[in-house]
Amino acid sequence: MAKVLLINGSPKANGCTAAALAEMIKVFNEEGIETELIHIGNKAVRGCIACGRCAEIGKCVFGDDPVNETAAKLAEADGLVIGSPVYYSSPNGTLLSFLDRLFFSSSGSVPKQMKVGAAVVSCRRGGNTASFDVLNKYFTISAMPIASSTYWNQVHGFSAEDVKKDLEGLQTMRNLARCMSFMIRAFADAKEKYGLPANESQARTSFPDGK
């Protein structure tokens, strides 16, 4: 059975972001896709210190938070949804620290190519599209196709109850889950028929001689 991992980057387990993700989970269940929700926003997650140890040991050297545990789960997943509230027109800082370390430390140990990604943002008013853009960057550097919907993947409100009144936002979440489910199944069929695309990795732009 296909599986989608959902990350709640909000400090609140039952806030606006959770309400958006819950709407998606209902559709994934209807589509026969397994889900697992991981709450990150309330954890003490340090940022990456660029030590480079992950390249040697295949995981982040810091094992006292959920990064390595989530990497193992991502390895078994077919899709990843990242949800975040808006803080000063950007995603939650805890979530960004988590994602920096998750994606970088697992770059050589967890294949992400053709795993379907989707970013979901909740906000009271503004900053949603800027935050949406930041989260999508993690997918586009990892050969992960991005699922889209019938509007940008966002909900509006100051509380979960507000989000439940955002009928268009909830509709967007349901359509996003349906599109993501289709993509996961389509890519699974294509992988079986054609295999994964070849990725070149030899060239790395760098100018250490200053020229």
N, C-alpha and C. Protein backbone atom coordinates (compact mmCIF):
# COMPACT_ATOMS: atom_id res chain seq x y z
N MET A 1 0.84 -1.20 0.00
CA MET A 1 0.00 0.00 0.00
C MET A 1 0.87 1.25 0.00
N ALA A 2 0.49 2.22 -0.82
CA ALA A 2 1.22 3.48 -0.86
C ALA A 2 1.07 4.22 0.46
N LYS A 3 2.06 5.04 0.77
CA LYS A 3 2.05 5.76 2.05
C LYS A 3 2.49 7.20 1.87
N VAL A 4 1.82 8.09 2.58
CA VAL A 4 2.17 9.51 2.60
C VAL A 4 2.53 9.91 4.02
N LEU A 5 3.65 10.57 4.15
CA LEU A 5 4.11 11.12 5.42
C LEU A 5 3.71 12.58 5.47
N LEU A 6 3.07 13.00 6.55
CA LEU A 6 2.64 14.40 6.71
C LEU A 6 3.35 15.00 7.91
N ILE A 7 3.95 16.18 7.72
CA ILE A 7 4.70 16.87 8.76
C ILE A 7 3.90 18.09 9.22
N ASN A 8 3.57 18.15 10.51
CA ASN A 8 2.93 19.33 11.07
C ASN A 8 4.01 20.19 11.70
N GLY A 9 4.31 21.32 11.07
CA GLY A 9 5.36 22.20 11.55
C GLY A 9 4.88 23.26 12.51
N SER A 10 3.64 23.19 12.92
CA SER A 10 3.11 24.17 13.87
C SER A 10 3.36 23.72 15.30
N PRO A 11 3.59 24.66 16.22
CA PRO A 11 3.70 24.28 17.63
C PRO A 11 2.41 23.67 18.17
N LYS A 12 1.29 23.99 17.54
CA LYS A 12 -0.02 23.53 18.02
C LYS A 12 -0.42 22.24 17.30
N ALA A 13 -0.67 21.20 18.10
CA ALA A 13 -1.02 19.90 17.54
C ALA A 13 -2.40 19.91 16.88
N ASN A 14 -3.27 20.83 17.32
CA ASN A 14 -4.64 20.85 16.80
C ASN A 14 -5.02 22.25 16.30
N GLY A 15 -4.05 22.95 15.73
CA GLY A 15 -4.30 24.29 15.24
C GLY A 15 -4.69 24.34 13.78
N CYS A 16 -4.41 25.46 13.15
CA CYS A 16 -4.80 25.71 11.76
C CYS A 16 -4.13 24.74 10.79
N THR A 17 -2.83 24.54 10.95
CA THR A 17 -2.10 23.63 10.06
C THR A 17 -2.64 22.22 10.19
N ALA A 18 -2.90 21.79 11.42
CA ALA A 18 -3.43 20.45 11.65
C ALA A 18 -4.79 20.27 10.99
N ALA A 19 -5.61 21.31 11.01
CA ALA A 19 -6.93 21.23 10.39
C ALA A 19 -6.81 21.02 8.88
N ALA A 20 -5.84 21.70 8.26
CA ALA A 20 -5.63 21.53 6.82
C ALA A 20 -5.14 20.12 6.50
N LEU A 21 -4.20 19.63 7.29
CA LEU A 21 -3.66 18.29 7.05
C LEU A 21 -4.71 17.22 7.30
N ALA A 22 -5.57 17.44 8.30
CA ALA A 22 -6.63 16.47 8.59
C ALA A 22 -7.59 16.33 7.40
N GLU A 23 -7.84 17.43 6.72
CA GLU A 23 -8.71 17.37 5.54
C GLU A 23 -8.09 16.52 4.45
N MET A 24 -6.78 16.62 4.31
CA MET A 24 -6.08 15.78 3.33
C MET A 24 -6.09 14.31 3.74
N ILE A 25 -5.88 14.07 5.01
CA ILE A 25 -5.82 12.68 5.51
C ILE A 25 -7.13 11.95 5.23
N LYS A 26 -8.26 12.65 5.37
CA LYS A 26 -9.56 12.03 5.09
C LYS A 26 -9.62 11.53 3.65
N VAL A 27 -9.12 12.34 2.73
CA VAL A 27 -9.14 11.95 1.31
C VAL A 27 -8.15 10.82 1.05
N PHE A 28 -6.96 10.90 1.64
CA PHE A 28 -5.99 9.81 1.46
C PHE A 28 -6.59 8.48 1.92
N ASN A 29 -7.31 8.50 3.03
CA ASN A 29 -7.95 7.29 3.52
C ASN A 29 -8.98 6.77 2.51
N GLU A 30 -9.75 7.69 1.94
CA GLU A 30 -10.73 7.30 0.92
C GLU A 30 -10.05 6.71 -0.31
N GLU A 31 -8.86 7.20 -0.62
CA GLU A 31 -8.11 6.74 -1.79
C GLU A 31 -7.32 5.45 -1.51
N GLY A 32 -7.38 4.97 -0.29
CA GLY A 32 -6.66 3.74 0.05
C GLY A 32 -5.17 3.94 0.24
N ILE A 33 -4.78 5.15 0.62
CA ILE A 33 -3.36 5.46 0.85
C ILE A 33 -3.12 5.62 2.34
N GLU A 34 -2.13 4.90 2.84
CA GLU A 34 -1.78 4.96 4.26
C GLU A 34 -1.14 6.31 4.58
N THR A 35 -1.40 6.81 5.77
CA THR A 35 -0.82 8.10 6.18
C THR A 35 -0.18 7.98 7.56
N GLU A 36 0.80 8.83 7.79
CA GLU A 36 1.37 8.99 9.12
C GLU A 36 1.66 10.46 9.34
N LEU A 37 1.16 10.99 10.44
CA LEU A 37 1.32 12.40 10.77
C LEU A 37 2.39 12.54 11.85
N ILE A 38 3.38 13.39 11.60
CA ILE A 38 4.46 13.63 12.56
C ILE A 38 4.41 15.10 12.98
N HIS A 39 4.33 15.32 14.29
CA HIS A 39 4.26 16.68 14.82
C HIS A 39 5.67 17.15 15.17
N ILE A 40 6.15 18.14 14.44
CA ILE A 40 7.52 18.64 14.59
C ILE A 40 7.57 19.98 15.31
N GLY A 41 6.58 20.82 15.12
CA GLY A 41 6.63 22.21 15.56
C GLY A 41 6.77 22.42 17.05
N ASN A 42 6.47 21.39 17.85
CA ASN A 42 6.60 21.53 19.30
C ASN A 42 7.87 20.90 19.85
N LYS A 43 8.79 20.50 18.96
CA LYS A 43 10.03 19.85 19.37
C LYS A 43 11.18 20.87 19.43
N ALA A 44 12.18 20.54 20.24
CA ALA A 44 13.39 21.37 20.30
C ALA A 44 14.36 20.85 19.25
N VAL A 45 14.37 21.48 18.10
CA VAL A 45 15.18 21.03 16.97
C VAL A 45 16.26 22.06 16.67
N ARG A 46 17.50 21.66 16.77
CA ARG A 46 18.61 22.57 16.48
C ARG A 46 18.84 22.67 14.97
N GLY A 47 19.49 23.72 14.55
CA GLY A 47 19.81 23.88 13.15
C GLY A 47 21.04 23.08 12.75
N CYS A 48 21.28 22.99 11.45
CA CYS A 48 22.46 22.31 10.93
C CYS A 48 23.71 23.12 11.28
N ILE A 49 24.78 22.44 11.69
CA ILE A 49 26.04 23.13 12.02
C ILE A 49 27.11 22.86 10.96
N ALA A 50 26.72 22.27 9.83
CA ALA A 50 27.64 22.04 8.70
C ALA A 50 28.88 21.26 9.11
N CYS A 51 28.70 20.25 9.96
CA CYS A 51 29.86 19.47 10.41
C CYS A 51 30.28 18.43 9.37
N GLY A 52 29.36 18.04 8.48
CA GLY A 52 29.68 17.09 7.43
C GLY A 52 29.70 15.63 7.86
N ARG A 53 29.39 15.35 9.10
CA ARG A 53 29.44 13.97 9.59
C ARG A 53 28.40 13.08 8.91
N CYS A 54 27.29 13.67 8.47
CA CYS A 54 26.24 12.87 7.84
C CYS A 54 26.75 12.20 6.56
N ALA A 55 27.70 12.83 5.89
CA ALA A 55 28.27 12.23 4.68
C ALA A 55 29.06 10.98 5.00
N GLU A 56 29.57 10.88 6.23
CA GLU A 56 30.36 9.73 6.66
C GLU A 56 29.50 8.62 7.24
N ILE A 57 28.49 8.99 8.04
CA ILE A 57 27.72 7.97 8.76
C ILE A 57 26.32 7.75 8.18
N GLY A 58 25.92 8.55 7.18
CA GLY A 58 24.64 8.34 6.52
C GLY A 58 23.43 8.85 7.27
N LYS A 59 23.64 9.62 8.31
CA LYS A 59 22.54 10.20 9.07
C LYS A 59 23.07 11.40 9.84
N CYS A 60 22.15 12.18 10.42
CA CYS A 60 22.58 13.36 11.17
C CYS A 60 23.28 12.92 12.45
N VAL A 61 24.35 13.60 12.80
CA VAL A 61 25.12 13.25 13.98
C VAL A 61 24.35 13.52 15.27
N PHE A 62 23.37 14.41 15.22
CA PHE A 62 22.54 14.70 16.39
C PHE A 62 21.34 13.74 16.41
N GLY A 63 21.28 12.88 17.37
CA GLY A 63 20.21 11.89 17.42
C GLY A 63 19.20 12.13 18.51
N ASP A 64 19.16 13.35 19.07
CA ASP A 64 18.28 13.62 20.19
C ASP A 64 16.99 14.33 19.78
N ASP A 65 16.68 14.35 18.49
CA ASP A 65 15.42 14.90 18.02
C ASP A 65 14.92 14.06 16.84
N PRO A 66 13.78 14.38 16.22
CA PRO A 66 13.13 13.45 15.28
C PRO A 66 13.74 13.35 13.88
N VAL A 67 14.84 14.01 13.59
CA VAL A 67 15.35 14.06 12.22
C VAL A 67 15.65 12.66 11.66
N ASN A 68 16.47 11.88 12.35
CA ASN A 68 16.85 10.57 11.82
C ASN A 68 15.67 9.60 11.79
N GLU A 69 14.82 9.68 12.79
CA GLU A 69 13.63 8.83 12.82
C GLU A 69 12.72 9.12 11.64
N THR A 70 12.57 10.40 11.31
CA THR A 70 11.73 10.79 10.18
C THR A 70 12.37 10.38 8.87
N ALA A 71 13.69 10.47 8.77
CA ALA A 71 14.39 10.06 7.55
C ALA A 71 14.11 8.59 7.24
N ALA A 72 14.11 7.75 8.27
CA ALA A 72 13.82 6.32 8.07
C ALA A 72 12.40 6.12 7.57
N LYS A 73 11.48 6.90 8.07
CA LYS A 73 10.09 6.80 7.63
C LYS A 73 9.91 7.35 6.21
N LEU A 74 10.64 8.40 5.89
CA LEU A 74 10.58 8.96 4.54
C LEU A 74 11.09 7.97 3.51
N ALA A 75 12.06 7.17 3.89
CA ALA A 75 12.60 6.16 2.97
C ALA A 75 11.53 5.18 2.52
N GLU A 76 10.54 4.94 3.38
CA GLU A 76 9.48 3.97 3.07
C GLU A 76 8.24 4.63 2.48
N ALA A 77 8.22 5.95 2.43
CA ALA A 77 7.02 6.68 1.98
C ALA A 77 7.06 6.95 0.48
N ASP A 78 5.88 7.15 -0.08
CA ASP A 78 5.76 7.49 -1.51
C ASP A 78 5.49 8.98 -1.71
N GLY A 79 5.12 9.66 -0.65
CA GLY A 79 4.83 11.07 -0.74
C GLY A 79 5.10 11.77 0.58
N LEU A 80 5.33 13.08 0.51
CA LEU A 80 5.62 13.87 1.70
C LEU A 80 4.84 15.18 1.63
N VAL A 81 4.07 15.46 2.69
CA VAL A 81 3.36 16.73 2.81
C VAL A 81 3.99 17.50 3.96
N ILE A 82 4.40 18.74 3.70
CA ILE A 82 4.99 19.59 4.73
C ILE A 82 4.03 20.75 5.00
N GLY A 83 3.53 20.81 6.24
CA GLY A 83 2.60 21.87 6.61
C GLY A 83 3.22 22.83 7.60
N SER A 84 2.98 24.13 7.40
CA SER A 84 3.56 25.13 8.30
C SER A 84 2.65 26.34 8.44
N PRO A 85 2.65 26.95 9.63
CA PRO A 85 2.04 28.28 9.76
C PRO A 85 3.00 29.33 9.22
N VAL A 86 2.51 30.53 9.06
CA VAL A 86 3.33 31.64 8.58
C VAL A 86 3.85 32.44 9.77
N TYR A 87 5.18 32.61 9.82
CA TYR A 87 5.82 33.47 10.82
C TYR A 87 6.59 34.55 10.06
N TYR A 88 6.14 35.79 10.13
CA TYR A 88 6.82 36.88 9.44
C TYR A 88 7.10 36.53 7.98
N SER A 89 6.05 36.08 7.30
CA SER A 89 6.12 35.73 5.87
C SER A 89 7.09 34.60 5.56
N SER A 90 7.28 33.70 6.51
CA SER A 90 8.15 32.55 6.31
C SER A 90 7.63 31.38 7.14
N PRO A 91 8.04 30.14 6.82
CA PRO A 91 7.62 29.01 7.64
C PRO A 91 8.21 29.09 9.05
N ASN A 92 7.65 28.32 9.95
CA ASN A 92 8.13 28.21 11.32
C ASN A 92 9.62 27.87 11.34
N GLY A 93 10.41 28.59 12.15
CA GLY A 93 11.86 28.38 12.20
C GLY A 93 12.24 26.99 12.65
N THR A 94 11.49 26.41 13.59
CA THR A 94 11.77 25.04 14.03
C THR A 94 11.65 24.08 12.87
N LEU A 95 10.60 24.25 12.08
CA LEU A 95 10.39 23.39 10.92
C LEU A 95 11.53 23.54 9.92
N LEU A 96 11.97 24.77 9.67
CA LEU A 96 13.05 24.98 8.71
C LEU A 96 14.34 24.32 9.17
N SER A 97 14.65 24.41 10.46
CA SER A 97 15.84 23.74 10.99
C SER A 97 15.72 22.23 10.79
N PHE A 98 14.54 21.71 11.05
CA PHE A 98 14.27 20.29 10.87
C PHE A 98 14.45 19.87 9.41
N LEU A 99 13.88 20.65 8.49
CA LEU A 99 13.95 20.29 7.07
C LEU A 99 15.36 20.41 6.53
N ASP A 100 16.10 21.44 6.94
CA ASP A 100 17.49 21.58 6.50
C ASP A 100 18.28 20.32 6.84
N ARG A 101 18.14 19.87 8.07
CA ARG A 101 18.91 18.69 8.51
C ARG A 101 18.36 17.41 7.91
N LEU A 102 17.04 17.30 7.80
CA LEU A 102 16.44 16.09 7.24
C LEU A 102 16.88 15.88 5.80
N PHE A 103 16.75 16.90 4.98
CA PHE A 103 17.06 16.75 3.56
C PHE A 103 18.56 16.62 3.32
N PHE A 104 19.36 17.41 4.05
CA PHE A 104 20.80 17.35 3.81
C PHE A 104 21.42 16.06 4.33
N SER A 105 21.08 15.67 5.55
CA SER A 105 21.71 14.49 6.15
C SER A 105 21.29 13.20 5.48
N SER A 106 20.12 13.19 4.84
CA SER A 106 19.64 11.97 4.19
C SER A 106 19.83 11.98 2.68
N SER A 107 20.56 12.98 2.18
CA SER A 107 20.70 13.11 0.72
C SER A 107 21.37 11.91 0.08
N GLY A 108 22.26 11.24 0.81
CA GLY A 108 22.92 10.08 0.24
C GLY A 108 22.35 8.75 0.69
N SER A 109 21.48 8.78 1.71
CA SER A 109 20.98 7.53 2.28
C SER A 109 19.50 7.27 2.04
N VAL A 110 18.74 8.31 1.73
CA VAL A 110 17.30 8.16 1.49
C VAL A 110 16.96 8.68 0.10
N PRO A 111 16.76 7.79 -0.86
CA PRO A 111 16.38 8.24 -2.21
C PRO A 111 15.03 8.97 -2.17
N LYS A 112 14.99 10.14 -2.77
CA LYS A 112 13.75 10.92 -2.78
C LYS A 112 13.20 11.10 -4.19
N GLN A 113 13.95 10.67 -5.19
CA GLN A 113 13.54 10.87 -6.58
C GLN A 113 12.16 10.29 -6.85
N MET A 114 11.28 11.09 -7.38
CA MET A 114 9.92 10.73 -7.77
C MET A 114 8.99 10.45 -6.59
N LYS A 115 9.43 10.73 -5.36
CA LYS A 115 8.48 10.77 -4.25
C LYS A 115 7.71 12.08 -4.40
N VAL A 116 6.42 12.05 -4.29
CA VAL A 116 5.60 13.24 -4.54
C VAL A 116 5.60 14.14 -3.30
N GLY A 117 5.85 15.43 -3.52
CA GLY A 117 5.88 16.39 -2.43
C GLY A 117 4.76 17.41 -2.54
N ALA A 118 4.32 17.91 -1.40
CA ALA A 118 3.33 18.98 -1.38
C ALA A 118 3.55 19.84 -0.15
N ALA A 119 3.52 21.15 -0.33
CA ALA A 119 3.63 22.10 0.77
C ALA A 119 2.25 22.66 1.08
N VAL A 120 1.94 22.79 2.36
CA VAL A 120 0.67 23.34 2.82
C VAL A 120 0.96 24.45 3.82
N VAL A 121 0.32 25.60 3.65
CA VAL A 121 0.59 26.75 4.50
C VAL A 121 -0.70 27.28 5.09
N SER A 122 -0.66 27.62 6.38
CA SER A 122 -1.80 28.27 7.02
C SER A 122 -1.40 29.66 7.48
N CYS A 123 -2.27 30.61 7.30
CA CYS A 123 -1.97 31.97 7.72
C CYS A 123 -3.25 32.69 8.11
N ARG A 124 -3.08 33.75 8.87
CA ARG A 124 -4.24 34.58 9.22
C ARG A 124 -4.61 35.46 8.05
N ARG A 125 -3.57 36.11 7.45
CA ARG A 125 -3.84 36.97 6.29
C ARG A 125 -2.76 36.83 5.23
N GLY A 126 -1.55 37.38 5.47
CA GLY A 126 -0.53 37.42 4.43
C GLY A 126 0.65 36.52 4.72
N GLY A 127 1.59 36.50 3.76
CA GLY A 127 2.81 35.73 3.90
C GLY A 127 2.71 34.30 3.44
N ASN A 128 1.54 33.92 2.94
CA ASN A 128 1.34 32.52 2.56
C ASN A 128 2.14 32.10 1.35
N THR A 129 2.12 32.90 0.28
CA THR A 129 2.81 32.48 -0.94
C THR A 129 4.32 32.50 -0.76
N ALA A 130 4.84 33.43 0.05
CA ALA A 130 6.28 33.45 0.31
C ALA A 130 6.70 32.20 1.06
N SER A 131 5.91 31.79 2.05
CA SER A 131 6.20 30.58 2.81
C SER A 131 6.06 29.34 1.94
N PHE A 132 5.06 29.34 1.10
CA PHE A 132 4.82 28.25 0.15
C PHE A 132 6.03 28.05 -0.75
N ASP A 133 6.59 29.14 -1.22
CA ASP A 133 7.75 29.09 -2.09
C ASP A 133 8.96 28.50 -1.37
N VAL A 134 9.19 28.89 -0.12
CA VAL A 134 10.32 28.37 0.66
C VAL A 134 10.22 26.85 0.79
N LEU A 135 9.05 26.35 1.15
CA LEU A 135 8.89 24.91 1.37
C LEU A 135 9.05 24.12 0.08
N ASN A 136 8.59 24.66 -1.02
CA ASN A 136 8.70 23.93 -2.29
C ASN A 136 10.15 23.75 -2.73
N LYS A 137 11.06 24.60 -2.24
CA LYS A 137 12.46 24.49 -2.63
C LYS A 137 13.07 23.15 -2.17
N TYR A 138 12.61 22.62 -1.06
CA TYR A 138 13.14 21.33 -0.59
C TYR A 138 12.81 20.21 -1.57
N PHE A 139 11.66 20.30 -2.21
CA PHE A 139 11.28 19.27 -3.17
C PHE A 139 12.05 19.43 -4.49
N THR A 140 12.17 20.67 -4.95
CA THR A 140 12.72 20.86 -6.28
C THR A 140 14.22 20.61 -6.36
N ILE A 141 14.91 20.57 -5.22
CA ILE A 141 16.33 20.23 -5.24
C ILE A 141 16.54 18.73 -5.05
N SER A 142 15.44 18.00 -4.84
CA SER A 142 15.53 16.58 -4.51
C SER A 142 14.87 15.68 -5.55
N ALA A 143 14.59 16.21 -6.74
CA ALA A 143 13.94 15.44 -7.82
C ALA A 143 12.60 14.89 -7.38
N MET A 144 11.90 15.66 -6.53
CA MET A 144 10.58 15.27 -6.06
C MET A 144 9.51 16.08 -6.80
N PRO A 145 8.66 15.45 -7.59
CA PRO A 145 7.58 16.18 -8.27
C PRO A 145 6.63 16.80 -7.25
N ILE A 146 6.18 18.02 -7.56
CA ILE A 146 5.30 18.74 -6.64
C ILE A 146 3.85 18.58 -7.06
N ALA A 147 3.01 18.18 -6.11
CA ALA A 147 1.57 18.08 -6.36
C ALA A 147 0.95 19.46 -6.21
N SER A 148 0.03 19.77 -7.08
CA SER A 148 -0.66 21.06 -7.02
C SER A 148 -2.16 20.82 -6.85
N SER A 149 -2.90 21.91 -6.69
CA SER A 149 -4.33 21.79 -6.48
C SER A 149 -5.06 22.82 -7.34
N THR A 150 -6.27 23.17 -6.95
CA THR A 150 -7.09 24.11 -7.71
C THR A 150 -6.92 25.55 -7.22
N TYR A 151 -6.06 25.74 -6.25
CA TYR A 151 -5.62 27.05 -5.78
C TYR A 151 -4.30 26.79 -5.08
N TRP A 152 -3.59 27.85 -4.66
CA TRP A 152 -2.37 27.60 -3.91
C TRP A 152 -2.72 26.86 -2.63
N ASN A 153 -1.81 26.00 -2.21
CA ASN A 153 -2.11 25.09 -1.10
C ASN A 153 -2.08 25.82 0.24
N GLN A 154 -3.16 26.52 0.56
CA GLN A 154 -3.19 27.34 1.76
C GLN A 154 -4.59 27.40 2.35
N VAL A 155 -4.62 27.60 3.67
CA VAL A 155 -5.88 27.86 4.37
C VAL A 155 -5.69 29.14 5.18
N HIS A 156 -6.81 29.78 5.51
CA HIS A 156 -6.76 31.04 6.24
C HIS A 156 -7.54 30.93 7.54
N GLY A 157 -7.01 31.57 8.58
CA GLY A 157 -7.72 31.62 9.85
C GLY A 157 -6.77 31.84 11.00
N PHE A 158 -7.34 32.29 12.12
CA PHE A 158 -6.55 32.50 13.33
C PHE A 158 -6.63 31.28 14.25
N SER A 159 -7.60 30.41 14.00
CA SER A 159 -7.79 29.21 14.82
C SER A 159 -8.26 28.08 13.91
N ALA A 160 -8.24 26.87 14.46
CA ALA A 160 -8.72 25.72 13.69
C ALA A 160 -10.19 25.90 13.31
N GLU A 161 -10.96 26.51 14.20
CA GLU A 161 -12.38 26.75 13.90
C GLU A 161 -12.52 27.72 12.73
N ASP A 162 -11.63 28.71 12.65
CA ASP A 162 -11.65 29.62 11.51
C ASP A 162 -11.37 28.85 10.21
N VAL A 163 -10.39 27.97 10.26
CA VAL A 163 -10.01 27.21 9.06
C VAL A 163 -11.19 26.36 8.57
N LYS A 164 -11.97 25.83 9.50
CA LYS A 164 -13.12 25.01 9.12
C LYS A 164 -14.19 25.82 8.41
N LYS A 165 -14.12 27.15 8.55
CA LYS A 165 -15.04 28.03 7.82
C LYS A 165 -14.49 28.43 6.45
N ASP A 166 -13.20 28.16 6.23
CA ASP A 166 -12.57 28.48 4.95
C ASP A 166 -12.89 27.36 3.96
N LEU A 167 -14.07 27.41 3.39
CA LEU A 167 -14.54 26.31 2.55
C LEU A 167 -13.69 26.12 1.31
N GLU A 168 -13.23 27.23 0.74
CA GLU A 168 -12.37 27.09 -0.45
C GLU A 168 -11.02 26.50 -0.06
N GLY A 169 -10.48 26.91 1.08
CA GLY A 169 -9.21 26.36 1.53
C GLY A 169 -9.30 24.87 1.76
N LEU A 170 -10.38 24.41 2.42
CA LEU A 170 -10.55 22.98 2.66
C LEU A 170 -10.76 22.23 1.36
N GLN A 171 -11.48 22.84 0.43
CA GLN A 171 -11.65 22.23 -0.89
C GLN A 171 -10.31 22.08 -1.59
N THR A 172 -9.46 23.09 -1.46
CA THR A 172 -8.12 23.03 -2.03
C THR A 172 -7.33 21.87 -1.44
N MET A 173 -7.45 21.64 -0.14
CA MET A 173 -6.75 20.53 0.52
C MET A 173 -7.25 19.18 -0.01
N ARG A 174 -8.56 19.06 -0.18
CA ARG A 174 -9.11 17.79 -0.69
C ARG A 174 -8.65 17.53 -2.12
N ASN A 175 -8.69 18.56 -2.94
CA ASN A 175 -8.24 18.39 -4.33
C ASN A 175 -6.74 18.10 -4.40
N LEU A 176 -5.99 18.71 -3.49
CA LEU A 176 -4.55 18.43 -3.44
C LEU A 176 -4.30 16.97 -3.10
N ALA A 177 -5.01 16.44 -2.13
CA ALA A 177 -4.83 15.03 -1.75
C ALA A 177 -5.21 14.10 -2.90
N ARG A 178 -6.25 14.46 -3.65
CA ARG A 178 -6.64 13.62 -4.79
C ARG A 178 -5.58 13.65 -5.89
N CYS A 179 -5.06 14.85 -6.18
CA CYS A 179 -4.01 14.97 -7.19
C CYS A 179 -2.75 14.21 -6.76
N MET A 180 -2.43 14.31 -5.50
CA MET A 180 -1.24 13.64 -4.97
C MET A 180 -1.42 12.13 -5.05
N SER A 181 -2.61 11.64 -4.72
CA SER A 181 -2.89 10.21 -4.79
C SER A 181 -2.74 9.70 -6.22
N PHE A 182 -3.26 10.47 -7.17
CA PHE A 182 -3.14 10.08 -8.58
C PHE A 182 -1.68 10.03 -9.01
N MET A 183 -0.92 11.04 -8.63
CA MET A 183 0.49 11.10 -9.02
C MET A 183 1.28 9.93 -8.44
N ILE A 184 1.01 9.60 -7.19
CA ILE A 184 1.72 8.48 -6.56
C ILE A 184 1.45 7.19 -7.31
N ARG A 185 0.19 6.96 -7.65
CA ARG A 185 -0.14 5.73 -8.38
C ARG A 185 0.45 5.74 -9.79
N ALA A 186 0.38 6.90 -10.44
CA ALA A 186 0.91 7.00 -11.81
C ALA A 186 2.41 6.79 -11.83
N PHE A 187 3.13 7.37 -10.88
CA PHE A 187 4.58 7.20 -10.84
C PHE A 187 4.96 5.77 -10.50
N ALA A 188 4.17 5.10 -9.67
CA ALA A 188 4.44 3.70 -9.34
C ALA A 188 4.30 2.85 -10.59
N ASP A 189 3.27 3.11 -11.39
CA ASP A 189 3.08 2.36 -12.64
C ASP A 189 4.22 2.64 -13.62
N ALA A 190 4.60 3.92 -13.74
CA ALA A 190 5.67 4.28 -14.67
C ALA A 190 7.01 3.70 -14.23
N LYS A 191 7.26 3.70 -12.92
CA LYS A 191 8.51 3.14 -12.42
C LYS A 191 8.62 1.66 -12.75
N GLU A 192 7.50 0.96 -12.61
CA GLU A 192 7.51 -0.47 -12.93
C GLU A 192 7.71 -0.70 -14.42
N LYS A 193 7.17 0.18 -15.25
CA LYS A 193 7.24 0.00 -16.70
C LYS A 193 8.54 0.52 -17.30
N TYR A 194 9.00 1.68 -16.81
CA TYR A 194 10.16 2.34 -17.43
C TYR A 194 11.39 2.45 -16.52
N GLY A 195 11.21 2.28 -15.22
CA GLY A 195 12.29 2.55 -14.29
C GLY A 195 12.37 4.04 -14.00
N LEU A 196 13.24 4.43 -13.07
CA LEU A 196 13.39 5.84 -12.72
C LEU A 196 14.27 6.57 -13.72
N PRO A 197 14.09 7.87 -13.90
CA PRO A 197 14.97 8.64 -14.79
C PRO A 197 16.41 8.61 -14.31
N ALA A 198 17.34 8.63 -15.24
CA ALA A 198 18.76 8.68 -14.87
C ALA A 198 19.10 10.08 -14.38
N ASN A 199 19.84 10.16 -13.30
CA ASN A 199 20.27 11.45 -12.76
C ASN A 199 21.79 11.58 -12.87
N GLU A 200 22.26 12.63 -13.52
CA GLU A 200 23.68 12.92 -13.54
C GLU A 200 24.06 13.65 -12.25
N SER A 201 25.25 13.40 -11.74
CA SER A 201 25.65 14.07 -10.51
C SER A 201 27.13 14.45 -10.48
N GLN A 202 27.80 14.35 -11.63
CA GLN A 202 29.25 14.59 -11.64
C GLN A 202 29.59 16.08 -11.56
N ALA A 203 28.84 16.91 -12.25
CA ALA A 203 29.18 18.34 -12.34
C ALA A 203 28.70 19.10 -11.11
N ARG A 204 29.59 19.87 -10.51
CA ARG A 204 29.23 20.73 -9.38
C ARG A 204 29.92 22.09 -9.59
N THR A 205 29.12 23.11 -9.83
CA THR A 205 29.66 24.43 -10.11
C THR A 205 30.37 24.99 -8.88
N SER A 206 31.65 25.31 -9.04
CA SER A 206 32.43 25.90 -7.96
C SER A 206 33.63 26.59 -8.58
N PHE A 207 34.03 27.71 -8.02
CA PHE A 207 35.14 28.46 -8.56
C PHE A 207 36.16 28.76 -7.47
N PRO A 208 36.84 27.73 -6.98
CA PRO A 208 37.79 27.92 -5.85
C PRO A 208 39.00 28.75 -6.23
N ASP A 209 39.29 28.87 -7.53
CA ASP A 209 40.47 29.66 -7.92
C ASP A 209 40.13 31.14 -8.06
N GLY A 210 38.85 31.48 -7.82
CA GLY A 210 38.45 32.88 -7.86
C GLY A 210 38.23 33.42 -9.24
N LYS A 211 38.34 32.59 -10.28
CA LYS A 211 38.17 33.09 -11.66
C LYS A 211 36.74 32.95 -12.12
